[in-house]
Amino acid sequence: MLEHVTIARIAGIPVRANLLLGYLLAFWAIMGASSGRAELTLTLIGLSMGLLLLHELGHALMARRLGLQVVDIVLWPLGGMARISDFPADARVEAWVAAAGPLVNLTLAALVAPLLLFTDGVAFEFSAGIGIGVSPDGGGVLSLFVLINLAFGLINLLPAFPMDGGRLLRSFLARGGRDWVAATDRATSVGSVIAWSMIIMFILRGEWLLSLLGFFILFAGLKERWTVRLRHQAEQMGGGAGRFAGWESLLRQRAGAFQGAGGPPEGAAGASPFPTDGPLPGGLGDEAGEGPEPQGDGFSDDDVRRLESFRGRLPRKPGSPEAD
């Protein structure tokens, strides 16, 4: 259920959907049909998925305009994401890419909202488990269109990861070439306050399921913080020698520790997932300009599987103070 299926290709960008999302949408449609609201439910599903895709296309096309490589767009139960290769630690670039998604939704809402003046008033009905029900006539669809766009645009402006507002806050804190790691720490701290506020508020109201959204935001902020710190450390280790130079140096050092210590047999728990000589996965050399040119986007699927199946601690390099 966690796998992705390619459902379309727009402007050369693959659009993939999570299988779990498909099951949830099917369940939602069945629930709507069983309550006699099949048409309303299908309208809501269609508008939500279409506007979510437009939101992510805003991110993707802006990234491409700024010279970045867009890998794909992934739709999943909690939203969507435009995956971008080698995103730079640049405040200006992040601000433009992050703002593009909400800007698409808010612009669509602003363009369509005046048309509501020429329609009859629409009564919104809130129903537990079904969502928002509106009349499927023109006025109801337009009202729902504006409402969903406002929700996607404004909620994503919350200053917390993984929402776009968290990235906009970081780009503001990192403006003028300020420290990217420090800006990330401060932005994720603000996001943590928002996440805990949501958790406490929903628990006090007895809405335990919605409180999980707060925990998700809290986890996403911590993940972003540690990802940036690890990337920064890898770049420092690599000394600017190349895209994966820091990781490569670390992996070779650890693999060499096994070899020098007469390490575990191949395939045993704790065995190094990479060779100690020759190019590393993805055609990486020891230093910039050495070895084959990088192939693809870095690690291959086989390399990732080896890393994911790796268990145990990597020993220190023999002779180092830590090993003694």
Protein backbone atom coordinates (compact mmCIF):
# COMPACT_ATOMS: atom_id res chain seq x y z
CA MET A 1 0.00 0.00 0.00
CA LEU A 2 3.00 2.30 0.35
CA GLU A 3 4.06 1.88 -3.28
CA HIS A 4 3.46 4.54 -5.91
CA VAL A 5 1.73 4.03 -9.24
CA THR A 6 2.30 6.39 -12.17
CA ILE A 7 -1.08 7.78 -13.23
CA ALA A 8 -0.10 10.59 -15.61
CA ARG A 9 2.72 12.64 -17.06
CA ILE A 10 2.24 16.42 -17.23
CA ALA A 11 4.78 18.67 -18.95
CA GLY A 12 7.19 15.74 -18.81
CA ILE A 13 6.77 15.36 -15.03
CA PRO A 14 5.60 11.92 -13.81
CA VAL A 15 2.58 12.08 -11.51
CA ARG A 16 2.42 9.16 -9.07
CA ALA A 17 -0.27 8.21 -6.56
CA ASN A 18 0.14 6.20 -3.37
CA LEU A 19 -1.87 2.98 -3.38
CA LEU A 20 -3.16 3.74 0.11
CA LEU A 21 -4.62 6.98 -1.24
CA GLY A 22 -6.56 5.01 -3.84
CA TYR A 23 -8.00 2.70 -1.18
CA LEU A 24 -9.03 5.63 1.01
CA LEU A 25 -10.70 7.44 -1.88
CA ALA A 26 -12.55 4.27 -2.84
CA PHE A 27 -13.73 3.83 0.76
CA TRP A 28 -14.83 7.48 0.85
CA ALA A 29 -16.79 7.02 -2.40
CA ILE A 30 -18.49 3.86 -1.08
CA MET A 31 -19.46 5.63 2.16
CA GLY A 32 -20.89 8.53 0.18
CA ALA A 33 -22.87 6.22 -2.09
CA SER A 34 -24.25 4.24 0.86
CA SER A 35 -25.57 7.47 2.40
CA GLY A 36 -27.21 8.58 -0.84
CA ARG A 37 -24.60 11.24 -1.61
CA ALA A 38 -22.60 9.57 -4.35
CA GLU A 39 -22.69 12.59 -6.68
CA LEU A 40 -21.66 15.03 -3.98
CA THR A 41 -18.87 12.76 -2.74
CA LEU A 42 -17.46 12.18 -6.22
CA THR A 43 -17.57 15.94 -6.88
CA LEU A 44 -15.64 16.61 -3.69
CA ILE A 45 -13.07 13.90 -4.47
CA GLY A 46 -12.58 15.13 -8.03
CA LEU A 47 -12.15 18.78 -7.03
CA SER A 48 -9.83 17.95 -4.12
CA MET A 49 -7.51 15.75 -6.16
CA GLY A 50 -7.49 18.12 -9.14
CA LEU A 51 -6.71 21.20 -7.07
CA LEU A 52 -4.09 19.32 -5.07
CA LEU A 53 -2.39 18.36 -8.33
CA LEU A 54 -2.47 22.00 -9.51
CA HIS A 55 -0.91 23.02 -6.19
CA GLU A 56 1.98 20.61 -6.66
CA LEU A 57 2.38 21.57 -10.31
CA GLY A 58 2.87 25.14 -9.12
CA HIS A 59 5.84 24.00 -7.03
CA ALA A 60 7.23 21.79 -9.80
CA LEU A 61 7.00 24.30 -12.64
CA MET A 62 8.49 27.09 -10.53
CA ALA A 63 11.38 24.80 -9.57
CA ARG A 64 11.95 23.94 -13.22
CA ARG A 65 11.88 27.63 -14.16
CA LEU A 66 14.65 28.24 -11.60
CA GLY A 67 16.78 25.51 -13.19
CA LEU A 68 16.08 22.67 -10.76
CA GLN A 69 15.38 19.08 -11.79
CA VAL A 70 11.89 17.86 -10.87
CA VAL A 71 11.87 14.11 -10.24
CA ASP A 72 8.11 13.60 -9.95
CA ILE A 73 4.91 14.59 -8.16
CA VAL A 74 3.56 12.18 -5.54
CA LEU A 75 0.00 12.24 -4.20
CA TRP A 76 -0.59 10.50 -0.88
CA PRO A 77 -3.24 10.46 1.91
CA LEU A 78 -2.02 13.61 3.67
CA GLY A 79 -1.53 15.70 0.55
CA GLY A 80 1.14 15.74 -2.12
CA MET A 81 4.75 16.64 -2.77
CA ALA A 82 6.83 17.72 -5.73
CA ARG A 83 10.14 15.89 -5.38
CA ILE A 84 13.06 18.01 -6.53
CA SER A 85 16.62 16.76 -7.01
CA ASP A 86 19.55 18.66 -5.45
CA PHE A 87 17.48 21.45 -3.90
CA PRO A 88 19.99 24.17 -2.95
CA ALA A 89 20.22 25.81 0.48
CA ASP A 90 19.23 29.12 -1.08
CA ALA A 91 16.66 31.37 0.60
CA ARG A 92 15.52 33.04 -2.61
CA VAL A 93 15.00 29.77 -4.49
CA GLU A 94 13.16 28.13 -1.60
CA ALA A 95 10.90 31.16 -1.15
CA TRP A 96 9.80 31.18 -4.80
CA VAL A 97 9.26 27.41 -4.97
CA ALA A 98 7.40 27.25 -1.64
CA ALA A 99 5.16 30.22 -2.46
CA ALA A 100 4.18 28.92 -5.90
CA GLY A 101 1.80 26.21 -4.61
CA PRO A 102 -0.37 28.34 -2.29
CA LEU A 103 -0.28 31.15 -4.85
CA VAL A 104 -1.92 28.87 -7.43
CA ASN A 105 -4.79 28.02 -5.06
CA LEU A 106 -5.34 31.56 -3.80
CA THR A 107 -5.28 32.94 -7.35
CA LEU A 108 -7.89 30.40 -8.49
CA ALA A 109 -10.09 31.27 -5.50
CA ALA A 110 -9.80 35.00 -6.23
CA LEU A 111 -10.68 34.50 -9.90
CA VAL A 112 -13.76 32.35 -9.27
CA ALA A 113 -15.12 34.03 -6.09
CA PRO A 114 -16.71 36.99 -7.97
CA LEU A 115 -18.82 34.50 -9.97
CA LEU A 116 -20.60 33.54 -6.74
CA LEU A 117 -22.33 36.94 -6.83
CA PHE A 118 -24.35 35.70 -9.81
CA THR A 119 -25.48 32.45 -8.15
CA ASP A 120 -28.01 31.71 -5.46
CA GLY A 121 -26.76 31.32 -1.92
CA VAL A 122 -25.46 27.86 -1.11
CA ALA A 123 -26.00 26.26 2.29
CA PHE A 124 -23.04 24.18 3.46
CA GLU A 125 -23.87 21.07 5.41
CA PHE A 126 -21.29 19.42 7.62
CA SER A 127 -21.66 15.68 8.06
CA ALA A 128 -19.36 13.49 10.14
CA GLY A 129 -17.55 10.93 8.02
CA ILE A 130 -18.78 12.43 4.73
CA GLY A 131 -17.30 15.91 4.78
CA ILE A 132 -18.94 18.97 3.23
CA GLY A 133 -22.07 18.46 1.24
CA VAL A 134 -23.24 21.07 -1.26
CA SER A 135 -25.74 21.16 -4.02
CA PRO A 136 -24.20 19.69 -7.19
CA ASP A 137 -25.56 22.54 -9.31
CA GLY A 138 -23.33 25.30 -10.68
CA GLY A 139 -23.46 27.48 -7.57
CA GLY A 140 -22.62 24.59 -5.27
CA VAL A 141 -19.65 23.45 -7.34
CA LEU A 142 -18.29 27.01 -7.58
CA SER A 143 -18.62 27.48 -3.82
CA LEU A 144 -16.86 24.21 -3.17
CA PHE A 145 -14.14 25.14 -5.68
CA VAL A 146 -13.45 28.40 -3.83
CA LEU A 147 -13.60 26.75 -0.40
CA ILE A 148 -11.11 23.98 -1.27
CA ASN A 149 -8.70 26.44 -2.87
CA LEU A 150 -8.81 28.68 0.20
CA ALA A 151 -8.20 25.66 2.44
CA PHE A 152 -5.23 24.43 0.39
CA GLY A 153 -3.76 27.92 0.12
CA LEU A 154 -4.16 29.12 3.70
CA ILE A 155 -3.46 25.88 5.58
CA ASN A 156 -0.24 25.42 3.63
CA LEU A 157 0.89 28.87 4.78
CA LEU A 158 1.09 27.72 8.41
CA PRO A 159 4.73 28.28 9.47
CA ALA A 160 5.43 24.60 10.17
CA PHE A 161 7.03 21.79 8.18
CA PRO A 162 6.04 20.05 5.99
CA MET A 163 3.71 22.89 4.97
CA ASP A 164 4.95 25.54 2.59
CA GLY A 165 4.76 28.15 5.34
CA GLY A 166 7.57 26.38 7.19
CA ARG A 167 9.81 26.71 4.14
CA LEU A 168 8.81 30.34 3.66
CA LEU A 169 9.71 31.03 7.29
CA ARG A 170 13.10 29.35 6.87
CA SER A 171 13.81 31.31 3.68
CA PHE A 172 13.02 34.53 5.57
CA LEU A 173 15.29 33.57 8.49
CA ALA A 174 18.09 32.59 6.08
CA ARG A 175 17.83 35.73 3.91
CA GLY A 176 21.03 37.56 3.09
CA GLY A 177 23.19 34.43 3.28
CA ARG A 178 22.50 33.73 6.96
CA ASP A 179 23.26 30.30 8.39
CA TRP A 180 20.93 27.71 6.82
CA VAL A 181 21.18 25.23 9.69
CA ALA A 182 20.37 27.89 12.30
CA ALA A 183 17.44 29.10 10.20
CA THR A 184 16.14 25.53 9.97
CA ASP A 185 16.42 25.07 13.75
CA ARG A 186 14.47 28.26 14.42
CA ALA A 187 11.80 27.47 11.82
CA THR A 188 11.26 23.95 13.12
CA SER A 189 11.04 25.28 16.68
CA VAL A 190 8.17 27.52 15.62
CA GLY A 191 6.57 24.52 13.90
CA SER A 192 6.90 22.47 17.10
CA VAL A 193 4.96 25.11 19.04
CA ILE A 194 2.19 24.98 16.44
CA ALA A 195 2.17 21.18 16.44
CA TRP A 196 1.90 20.90 20.24
CA SER A 197 -0.83 23.56 20.25
CA MET A 198 -2.81 21.48 17.76
CA ILE A 199 -2.27 18.29 19.74
CA ILE A 200 -3.42 19.83 23.03
CA MET A 201 -6.40 21.60 21.43
CA PHE A 202 -7.69 18.49 19.66
CA ILE A 203 -7.19 16.25 22.70
CA LEU A 204 -9.08 18.69 24.94
CA ARG A 205 -11.92 18.68 22.42
CA GLY A 206 -11.91 14.89 22.34
CA GLU A 207 -10.85 14.74 18.68
CA TRP A 208 -8.12 12.15 19.08
CA LEU A 209 -7.83 11.33 15.39
CA LEU A 210 -7.19 14.94 14.42
CA SER A 211 -4.51 15.18 17.11
CA LEU A 212 -2.46 12.79 14.97
CA LEU A 213 -2.01 15.64 12.49
CA GLY A 214 -0.15 17.54 15.18
CA PHE A 215 2.13 14.59 15.82
CA PHE A 216 2.75 14.29 12.08
CA ILE A 217 3.76 17.96 11.89
CA LEU A 218 6.01 17.49 14.91
CA PHE A 219 7.71 14.47 13.31
CA ALA A 220 8.10 16.23 9.95
CA GLY A 221 9.81 19.20 11.61
CA LEU A 222 12.27 16.97 13.47
CA LYS A 223 13.00 15.04 10.29
CA GLU A 224 13.70 18.26 8.38
CA ARG A 225 16.00 19.52 11.13
CA TRP A 226 18.11 16.36 11.22
CA THR A 227 18.17 16.01 7.44
CA VAL A 228 19.60 19.50 7.07
CA ARG A 229 22.15 18.91 9.82
CA LEU A 230 23.33 15.65 8.26
CA ARG A 231 23.57 17.21 4.81
CA HIS A 232 25.52 20.15 6.19
CA GLN A 233 27.92 17.81 8.00
CA ALA A 234 28.39 15.75 4.83
CA GLU A 235 29.20 18.87 2.82
CA GLN A 236 31.73 19.94 5.44
CA MET A 237 33.39 16.52 5.31
CA GLY A 238 33.49 16.61 1.53
CA GLY A 239 35.07 20.03 1.42
CA GLY A 240 33.06 20.88 -1.67
CA ALA A 241 34.65 18.02 -3.63
CA GLY A 242 31.35 16.89 -5.08
CA ARG A 243 27.72 16.21 -4.58
CA PHE A 244 28.24 13.01 -2.56
CA ALA A 245 31.83 13.56 -1.47
CA GLY A 246 31.05 13.76 2.25
CA TRP A 247 28.94 10.62 2.27
CA GLU A 248 31.48 8.82 0.12
CA SER A 249 34.36 9.60 2.47
CA LEU A 250 32.35 8.42 5.46
CA LEU A 251 31.23 5.19 3.79
CA ARG A 252 34.74 4.32 2.61
CA GLN A 253 36.16 4.98 6.06
CA ARG A 254 33.62 2.71 7.72
CA ALA A 255 34.00 -0.02 5.11
CA GLY A 256 37.77 0.11 5.55
CA ALA A 257 37.32 -0.42 9.28
CA PHE A 258 35.69 -3.79 8.58
CA GLN A 259 38.45 -4.86 6.22
CA GLY A 260 41.22 -3.89 8.61
CA ALA A 261 39.58 -5.71 11.49
CA GLY A 262 38.98 -8.88 9.50
CA GLY A 263 35.31 -7.88 9.45
CA PRO A 264 32.24 -10.05 9.40
CA PRO A 265 31.54 -12.43 6.54
CA GLU A 266 29.67 -11.13 3.56
CA GLY A 267 25.93 -10.98 4.19
CA ALA A 268 26.29 -11.12 7.98
CA ALA A 269 24.61 -8.58 10.23
CA GLY A 270 26.76 -5.48 10.47
CA ALA A 271 28.49 -6.09 7.13
CA SER A 272 29.26 -2.98 5.13
CA PRO A 273 26.68 -2.36 2.38
CA PHE A 274 29.36 -0.88 0.07
CA PRO A 275 32.71 -2.04 -1.34
CA THR A 276 35.94 -0.60 0.04
CA ASP A 277 37.50 0.12 -3.33
CA GLY A 278 36.33 1.19 -6.76
CA PRO A 279 33.55 3.65 -7.42
CA LEU A 280 30.68 3.87 -4.98
CA PRO A 281 27.07 3.38 -6.09
CA GLY A 282 25.88 5.79 -8.74
CA GLY A 283 29.35 5.94 -10.36
CA LEU A 284 30.90 8.19 -7.70
CA GLY A 285 34.65 8.74 -7.50
CA ASP A 286 36.84 9.58 -4.49
CA GLU A 287 37.13 13.24 -5.42
CA ALA A 288 35.66 15.64 -7.90
CA GLY A 289 36.92 14.86 -11.36
CA GLU A 290 37.93 11.27 -10.49
CA GLY A 291 36.10 8.09 -11.38
CA PRO A 292 33.11 7.75 -13.67
CA GLU A 293 30.59 10.52 -14.06
CA PRO A 294 27.63 10.33 -11.69
CA GLN A 295 24.80 8.29 -13.15
CA GLY A 296 21.16 9.03 -12.46
CA ASP A 297 20.34 10.80 -9.21
CA GLY A 298 22.85 9.03 -6.96
CA PHE A 299 22.17 5.72 -5.24
CA SER A 300 20.45 3.00 -7.25
CA ASP A 301 17.43 1.03 -6.02
CA ASP A 302 19.71 -1.89 -5.12
CA ASP A 303 21.96 0.42 -3.09
CA VAL A 304 18.96 1.79 -1.20
CA ARG A 305 17.72 -1.73 -0.46
CA ARG A 306 21.14 -2.71 0.90
CA LEU A 307 21.16 0.34 3.12
CA GLU A 308 17.64 -0.33 4.37
CA SER A 309 18.45 -3.94 5.22
CA PHE A 310 21.70 -3.01 7.04
CA ARG A 311 21.69 -3.77 10.78
CA GLY A 312 24.21 -3.25 13.57
CA ARG A 313 26.79 -0.59 14.43
CA LEU A 314 29.70 0.24 12.16
CA PRO A 315 33.00 -0.09 14.11
CA ARG A 316 35.53 2.71 14.31
CA LYS A 317 38.46 2.67 11.95
CA PRO A 318 41.34 0.59 13.48
CA GLY A 319 44.03 2.77 15.01
CA SER A 320 41.75 5.74 15.58
CA PRO A 321 41.48 7.19 19.13
CA GLU A 322 37.82 6.15 19.27
CA ALA A 323 38.72 2.51 18.47
CA ASP A 324 41.35 2.45 21.20
